[in-house]
């Protein structure tokens, strides 16, 4: 299925009024500093509140102490793998 068709189907099935993404609190776990900063900046410009964890241990610590709506997780993290 073409990406534009898939987006159209998704939009038809899930009304925009039912999906609130702006303001969601995300945990971003990324050990590459340049990539992490770029992703964080882009997500914040899109309206997300983002907490950046530079390794798996920090991500795990934050997950236990704060409430997040979602997590963007690098699977090859140092200390504690994603």
Protein backbone atom coordinates (compact mmCIF):
# COMPACT_ATOMS: atom_id res chain seq x y z
CA UNK A 1 0.00 0.00 0.00
CA UNK A 2 1.31 3.43 -0.90
CA UNK A 3 2.24 5.66 2.08
CA UNK A 4 -0.25 8.35 1.01
CA UNK A 5 -3.06 5.78 0.91
CA UNK A 6 -2.08 4.45 4.34
CA UNK A 7 -2.09 7.99 5.79
CA UNK A 8 -5.51 8.60 4.25
CA UNK A 9 -6.90 5.42 5.76
CA UNK A 10 -5.44 6.26 9.16
CA UNK A 11 -6.93 9.76 9.02
CA UNK A 12 -10.31 8.31 8.07
CA UNK A 13 -10.25 5.76 10.89
CA UNK A 14 -8.95 8.05 13.65
CA UNK A 15 -10.49 11.52 13.73
CA UNK A 16 -7.97 14.25 14.55
CA UNK A 17 -10.15 15.34 17.45
CA UNK A 18 -9.52 11.97 19.12
CA UNK A 19 -5.74 12.14 18.88
CA UNK A 20 -3.90 14.62 21.10
CA UNK A 21 -0.18 14.49 20.49
CA UNK A 22 0.83 18.03 21.36
CA UNK A 23 1.77 18.28 25.02
CA UNK A 24 2.53 14.59 25.41
CA UNK A 25 5.51 13.89 27.67
CA UNK A 26 8.09 11.70 25.93
CA UNK A 27 11.17 9.94 27.20
CA UNK A 28 13.82 9.91 24.47
CA UNK A 29 16.60 7.40 25.14
CA UNK A 30 19.48 8.00 22.71
CA UNK A 31 23.23 7.74 23.33
CA UNK A 32 24.33 9.58 20.18
CA UNK A 33 24.47 13.19 21.42
CA UNK A 34 24.01 14.81 17.99
CA UNK A 35 21.08 12.59 17.07
CA UNK A 36 19.53 12.91 20.54
CA UNK A 37 19.72 16.71 20.47
CA UNK A 38 18.30 16.87 16.93
CA UNK A 39 15.42 14.53 17.76
CA UNK A 40 14.67 16.36 21.01
CA UNK A 41 14.61 19.72 19.24
CA UNK A 42 12.37 18.45 16.45
CA UNK A 43 9.95 16.79 18.87
CA UNK A 44 9.77 19.91 21.03
CA UNK A 45 9.04 22.05 17.96
CA UNK A 46 6.16 19.66 17.26
CA UNK A 47 4.71 20.35 20.69
CA UNK A 48 6.04 17.44 22.74
CA UNK A 49 7.64 17.77 26.17
CA UNK A 50 10.85 15.71 25.91
CA UNK A 51 13.22 14.31 28.52
CA UNK A 52 16.48 13.03 26.96
CA UNK A 53 18.29 10.10 28.58
CA UNK A 54 21.86 9.51 27.28
CA UNK A 55 22.00 5.83 28.29
CA UNK A 56 19.85 2.93 29.44
CA UNK A 57 20.56 3.41 33.14
CA UNK A 58 19.34 7.02 33.09
CA UNK A 59 16.30 6.01 31.01
CA UNK A 60 15.42 3.30 33.51
CA UNK A 61 15.87 5.74 36.42
CA UNK A 62 13.60 8.32 34.78
CA UNK A 63 10.94 5.73 33.90
CA UNK A 64 10.71 4.71 37.56
CA UNK A 65 10.41 8.27 38.84
CA UNK A 66 8.37 10.16 36.25
CA UNK A 67 5.22 9.58 34.23
CA UNK A 68 5.68 9.54 30.45
CA UNK A 69 3.06 9.16 27.76
CA UNK A 70 5.49 7.34 25.46
CA UNK A 71 9.14 6.38 25.07
CA UNK A 72 11.35 6.61 21.99
CA UNK A 73 14.02 4.02 22.72
CA UNK A 74 17.33 3.27 21.01
CA UNK A 75 17.78 -0.51 21.21
CA UNK A 76 21.60 -0.37 21.44
CA UNK A 77 22.05 1.76 24.56
CA UNK A 78 25.13 1.60 26.79
CA UNK A 79 24.81 0.42 30.42
CA UNK A 80 21.30 -1.03 30.09
CA UNK A 81 20.35 -2.08 26.56
CA UNK A 82 17.03 -0.90 25.13
